[in-house]
Amino acid sequence: MRLARRALLGTPLAATALAQEPGLRALAEARGLVIGNMVTRGQLRDHPALQPLLRRDAALITPGLELKWDTLRPDPESFNFAPAEEVAAFTLAGGMDLRGHTLVWHEALPRWFDPAAMPAPQLRATLERHIRTVAGHFQGRIASWDVVNEPIGENGLRDGPHSDPDLIRQAFLWAREADPGARLVINDYDLELGDRRQDGRRTAMLRLLERLLRAGAPVGALGIQAHLAPRSAPFDAARLARFLRDVAGMGLAIEVTELDIVDRLLPADIAARDAEGAAMAADFLRVALDQPAVRMLVLWGLSDVQAWQQDSAFARRRDGLPSRSHPLDREMAKKPLWHAIAGALRA
């Protein structure tokens, strides 16, 4: 199929038709949805062919590394905004919005910052300074901020000071004061599929959201990461739809923030692997995009040259084959996942 496609590209008529084919950005805009993509400074530099495709398929960019603590904070007194500003410049030049990821997370921390070892007053002061400085630096330029990332553990709230509900509430208040115009998001994973484990995570997230809203935290949206992992758990449309309704019933927007396919349990055969991953994405998007509270869809990478699973002990394939997680392959050709997303946006 790829050889036939390349042969077809040699004809002027086919080239014109492909040039006129709408990208994901145009399809999303046609239905009033913001679609975005994650990219890092290194990926923009190393893969220049990715840049026009991001402009075609994304109206918003999430810097993948550049707004995390270990990149931003080389030492307790310094803030290094240069990497993030490089991604922001690409975003602005392409007429795209910027998304913030993330102000508070228990991972990607610099060596000097150990929350568990800090006295509570020092931790609070360190978090306040970081949130006010970073959110204030980008004031007016961020569409939505992941204020707190992954607070849910396997038995309710994650252990550690990052998941203290009062500190989470305060983090949202600091972020709101620093950037009054950004939508403030609480973001987490494994909220999408239909097993008992993810049922428990959904219940814990709903309880946390209720508690934060009662306490006056300015939470504006729930971020559902959607790292979809076929064969790890079944997809249950009714369970997902009910959860989305529960979140929307709190008056919150919903953002799909990190959509991709974790294909570690799928067969080695590329056609079968791509088809099964695309089918789960289509099922998920059919339910998610039917919920009016879903305002944003962000892909955690456009091409397989961005596949983070290769560096993850949990997510990478045991057979050593490269993961095929994203809508485009390593040669920037569209895969079934791209067409599944396009079909969901057209539906």
C-alpha atoms as a PDB file:
ATOM      1  CA  MET A   1       0.000   0.000   0.000  1.00  0.00           C
ATOM      2  CA  ARG A   2       2.834   2.378   0.805  1.00  0.00           C
ATOM      3  CA  LEU A   3       4.566   1.681  -2.533  1.00  0.00           C
ATOM      4  CA  ALA A   4       1.301   2.250  -4.367  1.00  0.00           C
ATOM      5  CA  ARG A   5       0.798   5.495  -2.491  1.00  0.00           C
ATOM      6  CA  ARG A   6       4.292   6.674  -3.398  1.00  0.00           C
ATOM      7  CA  ALA A   7       3.706   5.813  -7.056  1.00  0.00           C
ATOM      8  CA  LEU A   8       0.428   7.698  -6.953  1.00  0.00           C
ATOM      9  CA  LEU A   9       2.163  10.733  -5.506  1.00  0.00           C
ATOM     10  CA  GLY A  10       4.048  11.060  -8.788  1.00  0.00           C
ATOM     11  CA  THR A  11       0.942  12.161 -10.674  1.00  0.00           C
ATOM     12  CA  PRO A  12      -0.014  15.862 -10.614  1.00  0.00           C
ATOM     13  CA  LEU A  13      -3.692  15.048 -10.038  1.00  0.00           C
ATOM     14  CA  ALA A  14      -2.953  12.870  -7.002  1.00  0.00           C
ATOM     15  CA  ALA A  15      -0.542  15.419  -5.554  1.00  0.00           C
ATOM     16  CA  THR A  16      -3.189  18.135  -5.867  1.00  0.00           C
ATOM     17  CA  ALA A  17      -5.801  15.914  -4.214  1.00  0.00           C
ATOM     18  CA  LEU A  18      -3.500  15.091  -1.295  1.00  0.00           C
ATOM     19  CA  ALA A  19      -2.584  18.751  -0.876  1.00  0.00           C
ATOM     20  CA  GLN A  20      -6.269  19.603  -0.606  1.00  0.00           C
ATOM     21  CA  GLU A  21      -7.063  16.842   1.895  1.00  0.00           C
ATOM     22  CA  PRO A  22      -7.985  18.556   5.171  1.00  0.00           C
ATOM     23  CA  GLY A  23      -5.713  18.025   8.143  1.00  0.00           C
ATOM     24  CA  LEU A  24      -6.839  17.168  11.651  1.00  0.00           C
ATOM     25  CA  ARG A  25      -6.679  20.852  12.599  1.00  0.00           C
ATOM     26  CA  ALA A  26      -9.219  21.854   9.954  1.00  0.00           C
ATOM     27  CA  LEU A  27     -11.478  18.910  10.799  1.00  0.00           C
ATOM     28  CA  ALA A  28     -11.426  19.780  14.497  1.00  0.00           C
ATOM     29  CA  GLU A  29     -12.058  23.472  13.875  1.00  0.00           C
ATOM     30  CA  ALA A  30     -15.061  22.572  11.732  1.00  0.00           C
ATOM     31  CA  ARG A  31     -16.735  21.012  14.763  1.00  0.00           C
ATOM     32  CA  GLY A  32     -15.613  23.636  17.281  1.00  0.00           C
ATOM     33  CA  LEU A  33     -12.940  21.481  18.903  1.00  0.00           C
ATOM     34  CA  VAL A  34      -9.330  22.394  19.651  1.00  0.00           C
ATOM     35  CA  ILE A  35      -6.847  19.722  18.585  1.00  0.00           C
ATOM     36  CA  GLY A  36      -3.265  19.823  19.755  1.00  0.00           C
ATOM     37  CA  ASN A  37      -0.030  17.894  19.847  1.00  0.00           C
ATOM     38  CA  MET A  38       2.933  17.368  22.119  1.00  0.00           C
ATOM     39  CA  VAL A  39       6.392  18.195  20.834  1.00  0.00           C
ATOM     40  CA  THR A  40       9.776  18.857  22.405  1.00  0.00           C
ATOM     41  CA  ARG A  41      12.475  21.289  21.409  1.00  0.00           C
ATOM     42  CA  GLY A  42      14.733  18.378  20.500  1.00  0.00           C
ATOM     43  CA  GLN A  43      12.115  16.851  18.222  1.00  0.00           C
ATOM     44  CA  LEU A  44      11.613  20.151  16.406  1.00  0.00           C
ATOM     45  CA  ARG A  45      15.361  20.411  15.863  1.00  0.00           C
ATOM     46  CA  ASP A  46      16.002  16.768  14.973  1.00  0.00           C
ATOM     47  CA  HIS A  47      12.983  16.245  12.705  1.00  0.00           C
ATOM     48  CA  PRO A  48      12.324  19.404  10.658  1.00  0.00           C
ATOM     49  CA  ALA A  49       9.905  17.445   8.438  1.00  0.00           C
ATOM     50  CA  LEU A  50       7.640  17.245  11.487  1.00  0.00           C
ATOM     51  CA  GLN A  51       7.098  20.996  11.637  1.00  0.00           C
ATOM     52  CA  PRO A  52       4.718  21.544   8.679  1.00  0.00           C
ATOM     53  CA  LEU A  53       2.768  18.444   9.680  1.00  0.00           C
ATOM     54  CA  LEU A  54       2.263  19.836  13.179  1.00  0.00           C
ATOM     55  CA  ARG A  55       0.941  23.039  11.642  1.00  0.00           C
ATOM     56  CA  ARG A  56      -1.418  20.951   9.490  1.00  0.00           C
ATOM     57  CA  ASP A  57      -2.701  18.719  12.283  1.00  0.00           C
ATOM     58  CA  ALA A  58      -2.533  20.875  15.439  1.00  0.00           C
ATOM     59  CA  ALA A  59      -3.944  24.189  16.599  1.00  0.00           C
ATOM     60  CA  LEU A  60      -2.214  23.889  19.967  1.00  0.00           C
ATOM     61  CA  ILE A  61       1.174  22.654  21.188  1.00  0.00           C
ATOM     62  CA  THR A  62       2.099  21.084  24.526  1.00  0.00           C
ATOM     63  CA  PRO A  63       5.848  21.288  25.274  1.00  0.00           C
ATOM     64  CA  GLY A  64       6.665  17.736  26.282  1.00  0.00           C
ATOM     65  CA  LEU A  65       9.629  18.420  28.579  1.00  0.00           C
ATOM     66  CA  GLU A  66      10.329  22.118  28.664  1.00  0.00           C
ATOM     67  CA  LEU A  67       7.808  23.125  31.360  1.00  0.00           C
ATOM     68  CA  LYS A  68       8.663  20.303  33.763  1.00  0.00           C
ATOM     69  CA  TRP A  69      10.669  21.033  36.887  1.00  0.00           C
ATOM     70  CA  ASP A  70      13.832  19.170  35.907  1.00  0.00           C
ATOM     71  CA  THR A  71      14.151  21.311  32.761  1.00  0.00           C
ATOM     72  CA  LEU A  72      12.975  24.610  34.221  1.00  0.00           C
ATOM     73  CA  ARG A  73      14.799  24.507  37.567  1.00  0.00           C
ATOM     74  CA  PRO A  74      18.548  23.798  37.335  1.00  0.00           C
ATOM     75  CA  ASP A  75      18.990  24.935  40.950  1.00  0.00           C
ATOM     76  CA  PRO A  76      16.780  26.260  43.766  1.00  0.00           C
ATOM     77  CA  GLU A  77      17.187  29.895  42.739  1.00  0.00           C
ATOM     78  CA  SER A  78      17.114  29.738  38.927  1.00  0.00           C
ATOM     79  CA  PHE A  79      14.459  29.393  36.217  1.00  0.00           C
ATOM     80  CA  ASN A  80      15.575  28.398  32.718  1.00  0.00           C
ATOM     81  CA  PHE A  81      12.818  29.457  30.334  1.00  0.00           C
ATOM     82  CA  ALA A  82      14.913  29.281  27.142  1.00  0.00           C
ATOM     83  CA  PRO A  83      13.874  25.752  26.045  1.00  0.00           C
ATOM     84  CA  ALA A  84      10.185  26.481  26.630  1.00  0.00           C
ATOM     85  CA  GLU A  85      10.442  29.803  24.826  1.00  0.00           C
ATOM     86  CA  GLU A  86      11.889  28.035  21.781  1.00  0.00           C
ATOM     87  CA  VAL A  87       8.831  25.790  21.591  1.00  0.00           C
ATOM     88  CA  ALA A  88       6.594  28.811  22.259  1.00  0.00           C
ATOM     89  CA  ALA A  89       8.194  30.676  19.345  1.00  0.00           C
ATOM     90  CA  PHE A  90       7.431  27.771  16.984  1.00  0.00           C
ATOM     91  CA  THR A  91       3.882  27.708  18.300  1.00  0.00           C
ATOM     92  CA  LEU A  92       3.345  31.434  17.799  1.00  0.00           C
ATOM     93  CA  ALA A  93       4.859  31.371  14.306  1.00  0.00           C
ATOM     94  CA  GLY A  94       2.425  28.615  13.309  1.00  0.00           C
ATOM     95  CA  GLY A  95      -0.631  30.458  14.631  1.00  0.00           C
ATOM     96  CA  MET A  96      -1.084  27.845  17.349  1.00  0.00           C
ATOM     97  CA  ASP A  97      -1.921  28.129  21.028  1.00  0.00           C
ATOM     98  CA  LEU A  98       0.287  26.907  23.869  1.00  0.00           C
ATOM     99  CA  ARG A  99      -0.632  24.429  26.601  1.00  0.00           C
ATOM    100  CA  GLY A 100       1.143  24.203  29.962  1.00  0.00           C
ATOM    101  CA  HIS A 101       2.384  20.855  31.307  1.00  0.00           C
ATOM    102  CA  THR A 102       2.895  20.741  34.286  1.00  0.00           C
ATOM    103  CA  LEU A 103       3.173  22.882  37.452  1.00  0.00           C
ATOM    104  CA  VAL A 104       2.961  20.124  40.092  1.00  0.00           C
ATOM    105  CA  TRP A 105       3.981  16.504  39.474  1.00  0.00           C
ATOM    106  CA  HIS A 106       5.660  13.854  41.610  1.00  0.00           C
ATOM    107  CA  GLU A 107       8.048  12.943  38.766  1.00  0.00           C
ATOM    108  CA  ALA A 108      10.553  14.823  36.547  1.00  0.00           C
ATOM    109  CA  LEU A 109      11.979  16.621  39.572  1.00  0.00           C
ATOM    110  CA  PRO A 110      15.487  18.089  39.819  1.00  0.00           C
ATOM    111  CA  ARG A 111      17.893  16.463  42.272  1.00  0.00           C
ATOM    112  CA  TRP A 112      17.787  19.421  44.613  1.00  0.00           C
ATOM    113  CA  PHE A 113      14.004  19.136  45.120  1.00  0.00           C
ATOM    114  CA  ASP A 114      12.855  16.249  47.322  1.00  0.00           C
ATOM    115  CA  PRO A 115       9.319  17.047  48.538  1.00  0.00           C
ATOM    116  CA  ALA A 116       9.275  14.140  50.999  1.00  0.00           C
ATOM    117  CA  ALA A 117      12.376  15.449  52.754  1.00  0.00           C
ATOM    118  CA  MET A 118      11.250  19.080  53.026  1.00  0.00           C
ATOM    119  CA  PRO A 119       9.513  20.489  56.094  1.00  0.00           C
ATOM    120  CA  ALA A 120       5.940  21.393  55.249  1.00  0.00           C
ATOM    121  CA  PRO A 121       6.452  25.207  55.370  1.00  0.00           C
ATOM    122  CA  GLN A 122       9.481  24.985  53.067  1.00  0.00           C
ATOM    123  CA  LEU A 123       7.645  22.741  50.602  1.00  0.00           C
ATOM    124  CA  ARG A 124       4.681  25.094  50.519  1.00  0.00           C
ATOM    125  CA  ALA A 125       6.917  28.114  49.936  1.00  0.00           C
ATOM    126  CA  THR A 126       8.866  26.303  47.187  1.00  0.00           C
ATOM    127  CA  LEU A 127       5.699  25.276  45.373  1.00  0.00           C
ATOM    128  CA  GLU A 128       4.197  28.735  45.681  1.00  0.00           C
ATOM    129  CA  ARG A 129       7.265  30.426  44.257  1.00  0.00           C
ATOM    130  CA  HIS A 130       7.481  27.954  41.384  1.00  0.00           C
ATOM    131  CA  ILE A 131       3.811  28.203  40.408  1.00  0.00           C
ATOM    132  CA  ARG A 132       3.641  31.968  40.662  1.00  0.00           C
ATOM    133  CA  THR A 133       6.893  32.435  38.715  1.00  0.00           C
ATOM    134  CA  VAL A 134       6.199  29.961  35.916  1.00  0.00           C
ATOM    135  CA  ALA A 135       2.504  30.683  35.420  1.00  0.00           C
ATOM    136  CA  GLY A 136       3.234  34.399  35.747  1.00  0.00           C
ATOM    137  CA  HIS A 137       6.014  34.225  33.141  1.00  0.00           C
ATOM    138  CA  PHE A 138       3.555  32.825  30.579  1.00  0.00           C
ATOM    139  CA  GLN A 139       0.553  34.881  31.688  1.00  0.00           C
ATOM    140  CA  GLY A 140      -1.851  35.367  28.798  1.00  0.00           C
ATOM    141  CA  ARG A 141      -0.034  32.860  26.555  1.00  0.00           C
ATOM    142  CA  ILE A 142      -1.266  29.534  27.947  1.00  0.00           C
ATOM    143  CA  ALA A 143      -4.653  28.161  26.898  1.00  0.00           C
ATOM    144  CA  SER A 144      -4.789  25.622  29.741  1.00  0.00           C
ATOM    145  CA  TRP A 145      -2.414  24.543  32.500  1.00  0.00           C
ATOM    146  CA  ASP A 146      -2.016  21.099  34.007  1.00  0.00           C
ATOM    147  CA  VAL A 147      -1.740  22.531  37.495  1.00  0.00           C
ATOM    148  CA  VAL A 148      -1.571  19.125  39.207  1.00  0.00           C
ATOM    149  CA  ASN A 149      -0.602  16.011  37.274  1.00  0.00           C
ATOM    150  CA  GLU A 150      -1.380  12.435  38.341  1.00  0.00           C
ATOM    151  CA  PRO A 151      -2.565  12.853  41.945  1.00  0.00           C
ATOM    152  CA  ILE A 152      -4.476   9.539  41.926  1.00  0.00           C
ATOM    153  CA  GLY A 153      -2.690   6.416  43.144  1.00  0.00           C
ATOM    154  CA  GLU A 154      -3.863   2.818  43.131  1.00  0.00           C
ATOM    155  CA  ASN A 155      -5.818   3.130  46.389  1.00  0.00           C
ATOM    156  CA  GLY A 156      -7.164   6.676  46.278  1.00  0.00           C
ATOM    157  CA  LEU A 157      -4.841   9.636  46.436  1.00  0.00           C
ATOM    158  CA  ARG A 158      -1.185   9.006  45.666  1.00  0.00           C
ATOM    159  CA  ASP A 159       1.130   8.921  48.677  1.00  0.00           C
ATOM    160  CA  GLY A 160       3.217  12.025  49.294  1.00  0.00           C
ATOM    161  CA  PRO A 161       2.811  15.750  49.733  1.00  0.00           C
ATOM    162  CA  HIS A 162       1.970  16.382  46.075  1.00  0.00           C
ATOM    163  CA  SER A 163      -1.402  14.735  46.652  1.00  0.00           C
ATOM    164  CA  ASP A 164      -2.402  16.561  49.825  1.00  0.00           C
ATOM    165  CA  PRO A 165      -5.870  17.965  48.969  1.00  0.00           C
ATOM    166  CA  ASP A 166      -5.261  21.262  50.768  1.00  0.00           C
ATOM    167  CA  LEU A 167      -1.960  21.784  48.963  1.00  0.00           C
ATOM    168  CA  ILE A 168      -3.641  20.914  45.646  1.00  0.00           C
ATOM    169  CA  ARG A 169      -6.346  23.486  46.383  1.00  0.00           C
ATOM    170  CA  GLN A 170      -3.711  26.078  47.161  1.00  0.00           C
ATOM    171  CA  ALA A 171      -1.784  25.254  43.978  1.00  0.00           C
ATOM    172  CA  PHE A 172      -4.885  26.075  41.945  1.00  0.00           C
ATOM    173  CA  LEU A 173      -5.345  29.350  43.816  1.00  0.00           C
ATOM    174  CA  TRP A 174      -1.726  30.377  43.174  1.00  0.00           C
ATOM    175  CA  ALA A 175      -2.056  29.478  39.494  1.00  0.00           C
ATOM    176  CA  ARG A 176      -5.283  31.469  39.171  1.00  0.00           C
ATOM    177  CA  GLU A 177      -3.688  34.540  40.716  1.00  0.00           C
ATOM    178  CA  ALA A 178      -0.644  34.233  38.442  1.00  0.00           C
ATOM    179  CA  ASP A 179      -2.635  33.714  35.222  1.00  0.00           C
ATOM    180  CA  PRO A 180      -6.299  34.678  35.499  1.00  0.00           C
ATOM    181  CA  GLY A 181      -7.091  33.753  31.888  1.00  0.00           C
ATOM    182  CA  ALA A 182      -5.840  30.166  31.661  1.00  0.00           C
ATOM    183  CA  ARG A 183      -8.092  27.155  32.142  1.00  0.00           C
ATOM    184  CA  LEU A 184      -6.758  25.238  35.159  1.00  0.00           C
ATOM    185  CA  VAL A 185      -6.695  21.454  34.842  1.00  0.00           C
ATOM    186  CA  ILE A 186      -6.181  18.420  37.039  1.00  0.00           C
ATOM    187  CA  ASN A 187      -4.727  15.693  34.807  1.00  0.00           C
ATOM    188  CA  ASP A 188      -4.437  11.906  35.221  1.00  0.00           C
ATOM    189  CA  TYR A 189      -4.108   8.555  33.461  1.00  0.00           C
ATOM    190  CA  ASP A 190      -6.030   5.250  33.357  1.00  0.00           C
ATOM    191  CA  LEU A 191      -9.484   6.797  33.472  1.00  0.00           C
ATOM    192  CA  GLU A 192     -10.632   5.415  30.106  1.00  0.00           C
ATOM    193  CA  LEU A 193     -10.984   1.628  30.115  1.00  0.00           C
ATOM    194  CA  GLY A 194     -13.476  -0.747  31.673  1.00  0.00           C
ATOM    195  CA  ASP A 195     -11.895  -2.828  34.423  1.00  0.00           C
ATOM    196  CA  ARG A 196     -12.286  -2.666  38.213  1.00  0.00           C
ATOM    197  CA  ARG A 197      -8.908  -1.015  38.690  1.00  0.00           C
ATOM    198  CA  GLN A 198      -9.808   1.928  36.476  1.00  0.00           C
ATOM    199  CA  ASP A 199     -13.280   2.042  38.056  1.00  0.00           C
ATOM    200  CA  GLY A 200     -11.498   2.680  41.355  1.00  0.00           C
ATOM    201  CA  ARG A 201      -9.347   5.404  39.823  1.00  0.00           C
ATOM    202  CA  ARG A 202     -12.423   7.107  38.341  1.00  0.00           C
ATOM    203  CA  THR A 203     -14.183   7.012  41.704  1.00  0.00           C
ATOM    204  CA  ALA A 204     -11.131   8.482  43.451  1.00  0.00           C
ATOM    205  CA  MET A 205     -10.886  11.258  40.869  1.00  0.00           C
ATOM    206  CA  LEU A 206     -14.566  12.180  41.237  1.00  0.00           C
ATOM    207  CA  ARG A 207     -14.171  12.362  45.028  1.00  0.00           C
ATOM    208  CA  LEU A 208     -11.097  14.569  44.704  1.00  0.00           C
ATOM    209  CA  LEU A 209     -12.848  16.906  42.251  1.00  0.00           C
ATOM    210  CA  GLU A 210     -15.879  17.190  44.520  1.00  0.00           C
ATOM    211  CA  ARG A 211     -13.666  17.971  47.517  1.00  0.00           C
ATOM    212  CA  LEU A 212     -11.655  20.594  45.642  1.00  0.00           C
ATOM    213  CA  LEU A 213     -14.719  22.324  44.224  1.00  0.00           C
ATOM    214  CA  ARG A 214     -16.408  22.405  47.646  1.00  0.00           C
ATOM    215  CA  ALA A 215     -13.256  24.007  49.047  1.00  0.00           C
ATOM    216  CA  GLY A 216     -13.307  26.725  46.384  1.00  0.00           C
ATOM    217  CA  ALA A 217     -10.409  25.536  44.224  1.00  0.00           C
ATOM    218  CA  PRO A 218     -10.669  27.164  40.749  1.00  0.00           C
ATOM    219  CA  VAL A 219     -10.502  23.870  38.857  1.00  0.00           C
ATOM    220  CA  GLY A 220     -11.731  24.444  35.316  1.00  0.00           C
ATOM    221  CA  ALA A 221     -11.292  21.048  33.692  1.00  0.00           C
ATOM    222  CA  LEU A 222     -10.361  17.425  34.105  1.00  0.00           C
ATOM    223  CA  GLY A 223      -7.581  16.201  31.833  1.00  0.00           C
ATOM    224  CA  ILE A 224      -7.926  12.589  30.727  1.00  0.00           C
ATOM    225  CA  GLN A 225      -4.565  11.448  29.392  1.00  0.00           C
ATOM    226  CA  ALA A 226      -5.885   8.553  27.272  1.00  0.00           C
ATOM    227  CA  HIS A 227      -2.716   6.514  26.809  1.00  0.00           C
ATOM    228  CA  LEU A 228      -4.895   3.757  25.350  1.00  0.00           C
ATOM    229  CA  ALA A 229      -3.495   0.256  25.922  1.00  0.00           C
ATOM    230  CA  PRO A 230      -5.356  -2.424  23.945  1.00  0.00           C
ATOM    231  CA  ARG A 231      -5.593  -5.840  25.614  1.00  0.00           C
ATOM    232  CA  SER A 232      -4.647  -4.408  29.008  1.00  0.00           C
ATOM    233  CA  ALA A 233      -8.338  -3.879  29.825  1.00  0.00           C
ATOM    234  CA  PRO A 234     -11.570  -3.896  27.829  1.00  0.00           C
ATOM    235  CA  PHE A 235     -13.148  -0.748  26.480  1.00  0.00           C
ATOM    236  CA  ASP A 236     -16.583  -0.099  27.992  1.00  0.00           C
ATOM    237  CA  ALA A 237     -18.457   2.733  26.276  1.00  0.00           C
ATOM    238  CA  ALA A 238     -21.175   2.939  28.938  1.00  0.00           C
ATOM    239  CA  ARG A 239     -18.678   3.252  31.803  1.00  0.00           C
ATOM    240  CA  LEU A 240     -16.714   5.974  30.037  1.00  0.00           C
ATOM    241  CA  ALA A 241     -19.839   7.906  29.042  1.00  0.00           C
ATOM    242  CA  ARG A 242     -21.143   7.790  32.626  1.00  0.00           C
ATOM    243  CA  PHE A 243     -17.836   9.073  33.990  1.00  0.00           C
ATOM    244  CA  LEU A 244     -17.748  11.932  31.473  1.00  0.00           C
ATOM    245  CA  ARG A 245     -21.325  12.864  32.402  1.00  0.00           C
ATOM    246  CA  ASP A 246     -20.402  12.872  36.090  1.00  0.00           C
ATOM    247  CA  VAL A 247     -17.483  15.222  35.453  1.00  0.00           C
ATOM    248  CA  ALA A 248     -19.513  17.491  33.189  1.00  0.00           C
ATOM    249  CA  GLY A 249     -22.262  17.563  35.816  1.00  0.00           C
ATOM    250  CA  MET A 250     -19.825  19.331  38.149  1.00  0.00           C
ATOM    251  CA  GLY A 251     -19.631  22.187  35.671  1.00  0.00           C
ATOM    252  CA  LEU A 252     -16.151  21.210  34.477  1.00  0.00           C
ATOM    253  CA  ALA A 253     -14.748  21.101  30.973  1.00  0.00           C
ATOM    254  CA  ILE A 254     -12.950  17.939  29.873  1.00  0.00           C
ATOM    255  CA  GLU A 255      -9.694  17.812  27.929  1.00  0.00           C
ATOM    256  CA  VAL A 256      -8.198  14.697  26.355  1.00  0.00           C
ATOM    257  CA  THR A 257      -4.579  15.592  26.985  1.00  0.00           C
ATOM    258  CA  GLU A 258      -2.162  12.819  25.915  1.00  0.00           C
ATOM    259  CA  LEU A 259      -3.850  10.522  23.397  1.00  0.00           C
ATOM    260  CA  ASP A 260      -1.736   7.733  21.922  1.00  0.00           C
ATOM    261  CA  ILE A 261      -1.609   3.936  21.702  1.00  0.00           C
ATOM    262  CA  VAL A 262       0.466   1.798  24.070  1.00  0.00           C
ATOM    263  CA  ASP A 263       0.954  -1.231  21.795  1.00  0.00           C
ATOM    264  CA  ARG A 264       3.125  -3.421  24.034  1.00  0.00           C
ATOM    265  CA  LEU A 265       0.507  -6.222  24.175  1.00  0.00           C
ATOM    266  CA  LEU A 266      -0.394  -6.125  20.483  1.00  0.00           C
ATOM    267  CA  PRO A 267       0.975  -8.573  17.891  1.00  0.00           C
ATOM    268  CA  ALA A 268       4.190  -7.948  15.999  1.00  0.00           C
ATOM    269  CA  ASP A 269       2.437  -7.856  12.625  1.00  0.00           C
ATOM    270  CA  ILE A 270       2.257  -4.170  11.697  1.00  0.00           C
ATOM    271  CA  ALA A 271      -1.080  -4.264   9.879  1.00  0.00           C
ATOM    272  CA  ALA A 272      -2.802  -6.121  12.733  1.00  0.00           C
ATOM    273  CA  ARG A 273      -1.171  -3.920  15.360  1.00  0.00           C
ATOM    274  CA  ASP A 274      -2.135  -0.675  13.638  1.00  0.00           C
ATOM    275  CA  ALA A 275      -5.690  -1.861  13.021  1.00  0.00           C
ATOM    276  CA  GLU A 276      -6.316  -2.858  16.653  1.00  0.00           C
ATOM    277  CA  GLY A 277      -4.861   0.359  18.035  1.00  0.00           C
ATOM    278  CA  ALA A 278      -6.889   2.478  15.615  1.00  0.00           C
ATOM    279  CA  ALA A 279     -10.063   0.573  16.495  1.00  0.00           C
ATOM    280  CA  MET A 280      -9.673   1.306  20.210  1.00  0.00           C
ATOM    281  CA  ALA A 281      -8.972   4.984  19.482  1.00  0.00           C
ATOM    282  CA  ALA A 282     -12.083   5.165  17.304  1.00  0.00           C
ATOM    283  CA  ASP A 283     -14.186   3.578  20.059  1.00  0.00           C
ATOM    284  CA  PHE A 284     -12.789   5.958  22.671  1.00  0.00           C
ATOM    285  CA  LEU A 285     -13.248   9.075  20.536  1.00  0.00           C
ATOM    286  CA  ARG A 286     -16.777   8.069  19.543  1.00  0.00           C
ATOM    287  CA  VAL A 287     -17.770   8.321  23.208  1.00  0.00           C
ATOM    288  CA  ALA A 288     -15.512  11.216  24.225  1.00  0.00           C
ATOM    289  CA  LEU A 289     -16.443  13.534  21.370  1.00  0.00           C
ATOM    290  CA  ASP A 290     -20.137  12.870  21.938  1.00  0.00           C
ATOM    291  CA  GLN A 291     -19.808  14.651  25.322  1.00  0.00           C
ATOM    292  CA  PRO A 292     -20.225  18.443  24.848  1.00  0.00           C
ATOM    293  CA  ALA A 293     -17.919  19.150  27.813  1.00  0.00           C
ATOM    294  CA  VAL A 294     -14.967  17.748  25.831  1.00  0.00           C
ATOM    295  CA  ARG A 295     -13.343  20.915  24.499  1.00  0.00           C
ATOM    296  CA  MET A 296      -9.833  19.804  23.590  1.00  0.00           C
ATOM    297  CA  LEU A 297      -8.065  16.775  22.114  1.00  0.00           C
ATOM    298  CA  VAL A 298      -4.267  16.645  22.419  1.00  0.00           C
ATOM    299  CA  LEU A 299      -2.143  13.890  20.875  1.00  0.00           C
ATOM    300  CA  TRP A 300       0.985  12.841  22.767  1.00  0.00           C
ATOM    301  CA  GLY A 301       3.049  12.887  19.585  1.00  0.00           C
ATOM    302  CA  LEU A 302       2.181  13.057  15.905  1.00  0.00           C
ATOM    303  CA  SER A 303       4.810  10.691  14.441  1.00  0.00           C
ATOM    304  CA  ASP A 304       6.439   7.504  15.674  1.00  0.00           C
ATOM    305  CA  VAL A 305       9.754   9.354  15.743  1.00  0.00           C
ATOM    306  CA  GLN A 306       8.335  10.813  18.999  1.00  0.00           C
ATOM    307  CA  ALA A 307       7.442   7.482  20.649  1.00  0.00           C
ATOM    308  CA  TRP A 308       8.115   7.860  24.386  1.00  0.00           C
ATOM    309  CA  GLN A 309       7.333   4.188  24.999  1.00  0.00           C
ATOM    310  CA  GLN A 310      10.777   3.209  23.729  1.00  0.00           C
ATOM    311  CA  ASP A 311      12.279   4.726  26.890  1.00  0.00           C
ATOM    312  CA  SER A 312       9.669   3.362  29.310  1.00  0.00           C
ATOM    313  CA  ALA A 313      10.274   0.094  31.145  1.00  0.00           C
ATOM    314  CA  PHE A 314       6.512  -0.267  31.556  1.00  0.00           C
ATOM    315  CA  ALA A 315       5.311   0.690  28.075  1.00  0.00           C
ATOM    316  CA  ARG A 316       7.930  -0.587  25.642  1.00  0.00           C
ATOM    317  CA  ARG A 317       7.402  -3.833  23.768  1.00  0.00           C
ATOM    318  CA  ARG A 318       8.987  -6.994  25.162  1.00  0.00           C
ATOM    319  CA  ASP A 319       9.892  -8.243  21.659  1.00  0.00           C
ATOM    320  CA  GLY A 320      12.133  -5.233  21.085  1.00  0.00           C
ATOM    321  CA  LEU A 321      10.153  -3.959  18.099  1.00  0.00           C
ATOM    322  CA  PRO A 322       9.674  -0.191  17.911  1.00  0.00           C
ATOM    323  CA  SER A 323       6.300   0.983  19.128  1.00  0.00           C
ATOM    324  CA  ARG A 324       3.759   2.343  16.668  1.00  0.00           C
ATOM    325  CA  SER A 325       1.954   4.719  18.976  1.00  0.00           C
ATOM    326  CA  HIS A 326       1.093   7.753  16.881  1.00  0.00           C
ATOM    327  CA  PRO A 327      -0.938   8.807  13.820  1.00  0.00           C
ATOM    328  CA  LEU A 328       2.072   9.019  11.472  1.00  0.00           C
ATOM    329  CA  ASP A 329       4.847   6.472  11.025  1.00  0.00           C
ATOM    330  CA  ARG A 330       8.561   7.258  11.196  1.00  0.00           C
ATOM    331  CA  GLU A 331       8.476   8.317   7.549  1.00  0.00           C
ATOM    332  CA  MET A 332       5.631  10.765   8.319  1.00  0.00           C
ATOM    333  CA  ALA A 333       3.054   8.725   6.375  1.00  0.00           C
ATOM    334  CA  LYS A 334      -0.503   8.494   7.703  1.00  0.00           C
ATOM    335  CA  LYS A 335      -1.394   5.322   9.583  1.00  0.00           C
ATOM    336  CA  PRO A 336      -4.815   3.850  10.403  1.00  0.00           C
ATOM    337  CA  LEU A 337      -4.729   5.814  13.671  1.00  0.00           C
ATOM    338  CA  TRP A 338      -4.623   9.120  11.749  1.00  0.00           C
ATOM    339  CA  HIS A 339      -7.642   8.063   9.716  1.00  0.00           C
ATOM    340  CA  ALA A 340      -9.478   6.887  12.841  1.00  0.00           C
ATOM    341  CA  ILE A 341      -8.992  10.311  14.438  1.00  0.00           C
ATOM    342  CA  ALA A 342     -10.039  12.065  11.228  1.00  0.00           C
ATOM    343  CA  GLY A 343     -13.131   9.869  10.998  1.00  0.00           C
ATOM    344  CA  ALA A 344     -14.081  10.625  14.599  1.00  0.00           C
ATOM    345  CA  LEU A 345     -13.736  14.354  13.958  1.00  0.00           C
ATOM    346  CA  ARG A 346     -15.910  14.117  10.843  1.00  0.00           C
ATOM    347  CA  ALA A 347     -18.605  12.049  12.549  1.00  0.00           C
END
